[in-house]
Amino acid sequence: MLKSKDLLGLRDITQEEIHEILNTADLMKVVITSNNKKTPHLQGKSIITLFYENSTRTRMSFELACKYMSGTASGVSASTSSVSKGETLIDTARTLDVMGTDVLIMRHPMTGAPHLMAKNVRSAVINAGDGINEHPTQALLDMYTMKERFGAIKGLRAAIVGDVRHSRVARSNIYGLTKMGASVILAGPPTLLPPELDKLGVELTDRVDEAVKGADVVMGLRIQLERQKKGLFPTVREYHKYFGLTEERAALAKPHALVMHPGPVNRGVEISTAVMNLPDAKIDEQVTNGVAVRMALLFMMTRQKPETGGF
């Protein structure tokens, strides 16, 4: 089981905890791929998704994970909640908490918001993405996809390419992959590649070809097109030419290297349609694995009530 009542990031989680999550996800994937997607693991449990940002994959996979295990899933969006009437984050959290909620799953544009919530509720809190900080469940499903392909993560070389500066996916993957014994190289335009990340034990380069060469895993990151207006990278067309994952660049990786992307994908920007259609591109499989990993987490986090956390 997890040492904390919450999953707020992979920075402070242990290698042993990650192993347990991934191993539990193996069992949950059997459920997803079966004809009877129903287990009693969350019977009597209440799960609430509280999203202050739009989401399709993350939110739906959490809600399906809950329903597959016979739990009650409810969704709250900021636009339809009392937040729009001026209610504070803590007040919203406590209101949901006293309704008998077992797990609160939160996405927020402000870094640290789930951490603030976790200190003020008895419910377990899962960070579904906070600002440009972390997105732990995405990194866990990414690692699970790698484990499925290679059998282990230790010793893999993973190239993460794109808008690293604004990517919470990249940060969680850095923490998780290095903790599990993989080597990580980050690549992208210098304006989108914070130099201080080399303190986390990763390599940095502004040459995508160099990063991809010999990689076991090549992960493209979504380019947030609103960043283009700030002049942080050239035109979208030029970005794809110099930093996009093309067939020619993908061929520099090891034979049958795993091609990944957290989605949603901007086709022809960070990754070409031809690369997405490669047999070794497992972008759809990542979505399936996301449900399995989130099932594993919900199961583990409702088995016990650690003394740490809460108020």
Protein backbone atom coordinates (compact mmCIF):
# COMPACT_ATOMS: atom_id res chain seq x y z
CA MET A 1 0.00 0.00 0.00
CA LEU A 2 1.02 3.63 -0.37
CA LYS A 3 2.75 5.22 2.61
CA SER A 4 0.69 8.41 2.31
CA LYS A 5 -3.07 8.73 2.09
CA ASP A 6 -2.55 10.87 -1.04
CA LEU A 7 -0.83 10.63 -4.42
CA LEU A 8 0.34 14.16 -5.14
CA GLY A 9 3.39 13.41 -7.29
CA LEU A 10 6.17 10.96 -8.02
CA ARG A 11 8.89 13.14 -6.54
CA ASP A 12 8.35 11.73 -3.04
CA ILE A 13 7.07 8.25 -3.85
CA THR A 14 9.38 5.26 -3.47
CA GLN A 15 10.55 2.77 -6.05
CA GLU A 16 8.80 0.01 -4.09
CA GLU A 17 5.49 1.88 -4.20
CA ILE A 18 5.79 2.34 -7.96
CA HIS A 19 6.50 -1.38 -8.36
CA GLU A 20 3.39 -2.22 -6.36
CA ILE A 21 1.19 0.13 -8.40
CA LEU A 22 2.44 -1.30 -11.71
CA ASN A 23 2.06 -4.90 -10.52
CA THR A 24 -1.48 -4.20 -9.32
CA ALA A 25 -2.26 -2.63 -12.71
CA ASP A 26 -1.43 -6.00 -14.31
CA LEU A 27 -4.36 -7.53 -12.45
CA MET A 28 -6.65 -4.65 -13.35
CA LYS A 29 -5.85 -4.84 -17.05
CA VAL A 30 -7.17 -8.40 -17.06
CA VAL A 31 -10.52 -6.95 -15.99
CA ILE A 32 -10.50 -4.28 -18.71
CA THR A 33 -9.74 -6.77 -21.47
CA SER A 34 -12.33 -9.30 -20.28
CA ASN A 35 -15.96 -9.58 -21.36
CA ASN A 36 -17.16 -8.80 -17.84
CA LYS A 37 -15.76 -5.44 -16.76
CA LYS A 38 -17.13 -5.53 -13.26
CA THR A 39 -15.47 -6.26 -9.92
CA PRO A 40 -16.58 -5.46 -6.33
CA HIS A 41 -13.28 -3.83 -5.33
CA LEU A 42 -14.79 -0.35 -4.79
CA GLN A 43 -18.28 -1.36 -3.74
CA GLY A 44 -19.54 1.19 -1.23
CA LYS A 45 -16.81 3.70 -2.11
CA SER A 46 -17.43 7.23 -3.40
CA ILE A 47 -15.02 8.87 -5.86
CA ILE A 48 -15.28 12.51 -6.96
CA THR A 49 -13.39 14.14 -9.83
CA LEU A 50 -12.92 17.88 -9.30
CA PHE A 51 -11.53 19.43 -12.47
CA TYR A 52 -10.72 23.11 -12.89
CA GLU A 53 -9.33 22.42 -16.37
CA ASN A 54 -10.83 20.58 -19.31
CA SER A 55 -9.95 16.91 -19.67
CA THR A 56 -11.20 13.91 -21.60
CA ARG A 57 -8.72 11.05 -21.13
CA THR A 58 -7.79 11.57 -17.50
CA ARG A 59 -11.25 12.35 -16.18
CA MET A 60 -13.04 9.63 -18.13
CA SER A 61 -10.44 6.98 -17.27
CA PHE A 62 -10.80 7.72 -13.55
CA GLU A 63 -14.58 7.56 -13.76
CA LEU A 64 -14.52 4.33 -15.76
CA ALA A 65 -11.96 2.86 -13.37
CA CYS A 66 -14.34 3.56 -10.50
CA LYS A 67 -17.39 2.15 -12.29
CA TYR A 68 -15.58 -1.00 -13.40
CA MET A 69 -14.91 -1.69 -9.72
CA SER A 70 -18.51 -0.99 -8.62
CA GLY A 71 -17.79 2.36 -6.98
CA THR A 72 -19.81 5.55 -7.22
CA ALA A 73 -18.20 8.15 -9.49
CA SER A 74 -19.30 11.79 -9.54
CA GLY A 75 -17.81 14.63 -11.54
CA VAL A 76 -17.60 18.31 -10.59
CA SER A 77 -16.34 21.02 -12.93
CA ALA A 78 -15.43 24.50 -11.74
CA SER A 79 -17.78 26.16 -14.22
CA THR A 80 -20.84 24.44 -12.71
CA SER A 81 -19.79 24.46 -9.05
CA SER A 82 -20.02 27.07 -6.30
CA VAL A 83 -16.49 28.12 -7.27
CA SER A 84 -18.16 30.28 -9.90
CA LYS A 85 -20.01 31.98 -7.01
CA GLY A 86 -16.79 32.79 -5.18
CA GLU A 87 -16.37 29.71 -2.98
CA THR A 88 -12.74 29.06 -2.05
CA LEU A 89 -10.84 25.91 -2.97
CA ILE A 90 -10.63 24.79 0.66
CA ASP A 91 -14.36 25.36 1.22
CA THR A 92 -15.18 23.34 -1.89
CA ALA A 93 -12.86 20.56 -0.79
CA ARG A 94 -14.33 20.38 2.72
CA THR A 95 -17.88 20.42 1.38
CA LEU A 96 -17.14 17.42 -0.84
CA ASP A 97 -15.17 15.73 1.92
CA VAL A 98 -18.02 15.75 4.47
CA MET A 99 -20.36 14.13 1.93
CA GLY A 100 -18.63 10.83 2.62
CA THR A 101 -16.12 11.01 -0.20
CA ASP A 102 -13.37 8.40 -0.13
CA VAL A 103 -11.13 9.76 -2.92
CA LEU A 104 -10.96 13.26 -4.41
CA ILE A 105 -9.28 13.48 -7.80
CA MET A 106 -8.24 17.01 -8.67
CA ARG A 107 -6.88 18.87 -11.68
CA HIS A 108 -6.04 22.54 -11.25
CA PRO A 109 -4.11 25.17 -13.26
CA MET A 110 -2.30 26.34 -10.14
CA THR A 111 0.82 24.49 -9.02
CA GLY A 112 0.35 23.05 -5.54
CA ALA A 113 -3.45 23.20 -5.43
CA PRO A 114 -3.90 19.44 -4.77
CA HIS A 115 -1.30 19.67 -1.97
CA LEU A 116 -3.36 22.42 -0.32
CA MET A 117 -6.51 20.35 -0.66
CA ALA A 118 -4.88 17.23 0.80
CA LYS A 119 -3.98 19.13 3.99
CA ASN A 120 -7.59 20.12 4.53
CA VAL A 121 -9.57 16.93 3.88
CA ARG A 122 -9.76 13.44 5.31
CA SER A 123 -10.38 11.96 1.85
CA ALA A 124 -7.49 10.57 -0.14
CA VAL A 125 -6.42 13.06 -2.82
CA ILE A 126 -5.02 12.18 -6.23
CA ASN A 127 -3.30 14.87 -8.26
CA ALA A 128 -4.63 14.69 -11.83
CA GLY A 129 -2.35 17.53 -12.93
CA ASP A 130 -1.41 20.79 -11.21
CA GLY A 131 -0.07 23.72 -13.16
CA ILE A 132 3.32 22.89 -14.66
CA ASN A 133 4.28 20.78 -11.67
CA GLU A 134 3.26 17.10 -11.94
CA HIS A 135 0.82 14.65 -13.50
CA PRO A 136 1.69 11.46 -11.60
CA THR A 137 -0.93 9.09 -13.00
CA GLN A 138 0.11 9.90 -16.57
CA ALA A 139 3.72 9.02 -15.78
CA LEU A 140 2.60 5.82 -14.05
CA LEU A 141 0.63 4.70 -17.09
CA ASP A 142 3.60 5.62 -19.30
CA MET A 143 5.88 3.47 -17.15
CA TYR A 144 3.34 0.66 -17.16
CA THR A 145 3.30 0.76 -20.97
CA MET A 146 7.11 0.51 -20.98
CA LYS A 147 7.04 -2.36 -18.49
CA GLU A 148 4.55 -4.23 -20.70
CA ARG A 149 6.83 -3.88 -23.71
CA PHE A 150 10.25 -4.45 -22.15
CA GLY A 151 9.49 -6.41 -18.98
CA ALA A 152 11.38 -3.88 -16.84
CA ILE A 153 12.17 -0.17 -16.81
CA LYS A 154 15.68 -0.35 -15.39
CA GLY A 155 18.32 0.24 -18.08
CA LEU A 156 15.98 1.79 -20.64
CA ARG A 157 16.93 4.98 -22.47
CA ALA A 158 13.93 7.30 -22.81
CA ALA A 159 13.92 10.40 -25.02
CA ILE A 160 11.28 12.99 -24.09
CA VAL A 161 10.83 15.57 -26.83
CA GLY A 162 8.88 18.82 -26.98
CA ASP A 163 7.66 21.53 -24.62
CA VAL A 164 9.44 20.34 -21.50
CA ARG A 165 9.23 23.73 -19.78
CA HIS A 166 5.44 23.67 -19.43
CA SER A 167 4.99 19.90 -19.19
CA ARG A 168 3.83 18.34 -15.93
CA VAL A 169 3.93 15.00 -17.76
CA ALA A 170 7.66 15.43 -18.37
CA ARG A 171 8.38 16.25 -14.73
CA SER A 172 6.52 13.24 -13.37
CA ASN A 173 8.21 10.99 -15.91
CA ILE A 174 11.63 12.37 -14.94
CA TYR A 175 11.00 11.59 -11.27
CA GLY A 176 9.51 8.17 -11.98
CA LEU A 177 11.83 6.90 -14.69
CA THR A 178 15.07 7.92 -12.98
CA LYS A 179 13.79 6.39 -9.74
CA MET A 180 13.15 3.13 -11.61
CA GLY A 181 16.65 3.05 -13.12
CA ALA A 182 16.04 4.42 -16.63
CA SER A 183 18.18 7.12 -18.24
CA VAL A 184 16.29 10.14 -19.55
CA ILE A 185 17.27 12.65 -22.22
CA LEU A 186 15.17 15.76 -22.82
CA ALA A 187 15.09 17.55 -26.17
CA GLY A 188 13.38 20.62 -27.56
CA PRO A 189 13.89 24.28 -28.47
CA PRO A 190 16.18 26.03 -25.96
CA THR A 191 13.30 28.32 -24.99
CA LEU A 192 11.29 25.29 -23.90
CA LEU A 193 14.11 23.40 -22.18
CA PRO A 194 14.83 24.67 -18.64
CA PRO A 195 18.59 24.20 -18.00
CA GLU A 196 18.03 23.60 -14.28
CA LEU A 197 16.46 20.20 -15.05
CA ASP A 198 19.92 18.70 -15.46
CA LYS A 199 20.09 18.77 -11.65
CA LEU A 200 17.53 15.95 -11.70
CA GLY A 201 20.00 13.55 -13.29
CA VAL A 202 18.86 13.83 -16.90
CA GLU A 203 20.55 14.88 -20.15
CA LEU A 204 19.45 17.95 -22.12
CA THR A 205 19.90 18.76 -25.80
CA ASP A 206 18.33 21.02 -28.40
CA ARG A 207 19.05 18.41 -31.09
CA VAL A 208 16.19 15.96 -31.39
CA ASP A 209 18.19 13.59 -33.61
CA GLU A 210 20.80 13.29 -30.86
CA ALA A 211 18.15 12.53 -28.24
CA VAL A 212 16.31 9.92 -30.29
CA LYS A 213 19.39 8.06 -31.52
CA GLY A 214 19.62 4.71 -29.77
CA ALA A 215 16.56 5.31 -27.56
CA ASP A 216 14.34 2.49 -26.36
CA VAL A 217 11.44 4.88 -25.82
CA VAL A 218 10.60 8.07 -27.71
CA MET A 219 7.93 10.24 -26.11
CA GLY A 220 6.53 13.31 -27.81
CA LEU A 221 5.02 16.06 -25.66
CA ARG A 222 2.02 18.12 -26.66
CA ILE A 223 2.88 21.58 -27.89
CA GLN A 224 0.55 24.06 -26.27
CA LEU A 225 -0.25 26.18 -29.29
CA GLU A 226 -1.03 29.21 -27.12
CA ARG A 227 2.70 29.31 -26.32
CA GLN A 228 3.42 30.09 -29.96
CA LYS A 229 1.93 33.55 -29.47
CA LYS A 230 4.62 34.26 -26.90
CA GLY A 231 7.40 33.62 -29.40
CA LEU A 232 8.84 30.67 -27.48
CA PHE A 233 9.24 28.64 -30.66
CA PRO A 234 9.10 29.30 -34.42
CA THR A 235 6.02 28.77 -36.52
CA VAL A 236 4.21 25.46 -36.11
CA ARG A 237 5.53 24.36 -39.49
CA GLU A 238 9.12 25.17 -38.54
CA TYR A 239 8.70 23.49 -35.18
CA HIS A 240 7.72 20.23 -36.85
CA LYS A 241 10.61 20.50 -39.27
CA TYR A 242 13.28 20.96 -36.60
CA PHE A 243 11.78 19.35 -33.49
CA GLY A 244 8.88 17.14 -34.57
CA LEU A 245 8.95 13.33 -34.48
CA THR A 246 9.12 12.35 -38.14
CA GLU A 247 9.63 8.91 -39.66
CA GLU A 248 13.26 9.79 -40.35
CA ARG A 249 13.86 10.71 -36.71
CA ALA A 250 11.94 7.72 -35.38
CA ALA A 251 14.21 5.48 -37.45
CA LEU A 252 17.21 6.72 -35.42
CA ALA A 253 15.89 4.99 -32.32
CA LYS A 254 16.52 1.32 -31.60
CA PRO A 255 14.62 -1.19 -33.75
CA HIS A 256 11.06 -1.53 -32.43
CA ALA A 257 11.51 1.37 -30.03
CA LEU A 258 8.34 2.35 -28.21
CA VAL A 259 6.73 5.56 -29.53
CA MET A 260 4.52 7.36 -27.02
CA HIS A 261 2.52 10.56 -26.54
CA PRO A 262 0.35 11.64 -23.57
CA GLY A 263 -2.33 13.10 -25.86
CA PRO A 264 -4.16 14.91 -27.17
CA VAL A 265 -1.91 14.90 -30.23
CA ASN A 266 -1.42 17.84 -32.57
CA ARG A 267 -0.88 15.83 -35.74
CA GLY A 268 1.86 17.22 -37.92
CA VAL A 269 3.25 19.40 -35.13
CA GLU A 270 4.97 17.41 -32.39
CA ILE A 271 4.48 14.10 -34.17
CA SER A 272 3.59 13.11 -37.72
CA THR A 273 0.62 10.96 -38.68
CA ALA A 274 3.01 8.46 -40.26
CA VAL A 275 4.81 7.98 -36.92
CA MET A 276 1.49 7.66 -35.09
CA ASN A 277 0.59 4.82 -37.45
CA LEU A 278 3.79 2.86 -36.84
CA PRO A 279 3.28 -0.59 -35.26
CA ASP A 280 5.49 0.46 -32.35
CA ALA A 281 3.41 3.57 -31.60
CA LYS A 282 1.36 2.67 -28.53
CA ILE A 283 -0.59 5.89 -28.02
CA ASP A 284 -3.96 4.11 -27.95
CA GLU A 285 -2.54 1.42 -25.67
CA GLN A 286 -1.48 4.16 -23.26
CA VAL A 287 -5.13 5.19 -22.93
CA THR A 288 -6.16 1.61 -22.07
CA ASN A 289 -3.30 1.33 -19.62
CA GLY A 290 -4.40 4.57 -18.02
CA VAL A 291 -7.62 2.93 -16.90
CA ALA A 292 -5.73 -0.08 -15.50
CA VAL A 293 -3.28 2.10 -13.54
CA ARG A 294 -6.05 4.28 -12.15
CA MET A 295 -8.02 1.21 -11.14
CA ALA A 296 -4.93 0.00 -9.31
CA LEU A 297 -4.52 3.32 -7.50
CA LEU A 298 -8.16 3.60 -6.46
CA PHE A 299 -8.06 0.04 -5.15
CA MET A 300 -4.84 0.59 -3.19
CA MET A 301 -5.89 3.96 -1.77
CA THR A 302 -9.20 2.67 -0.43
CA ARG A 303 -7.79 -0.43 1.27
CA GLN A 304 -6.55 1.42 4.35
CA LYS A 305 -6.54 4.81 5.99
CA PRO A 306 -2.93 5.81 6.76
CA GLU A 307 -2.48 8.09 9.74
CA THR A 308 -0.53 10.62 7.70
CA GLY A 309 -2.34 13.54 6.14
CA GLY A 310 -5.78 15.01 6.78
CA PHE A 311 -6.70 17.54 9.43
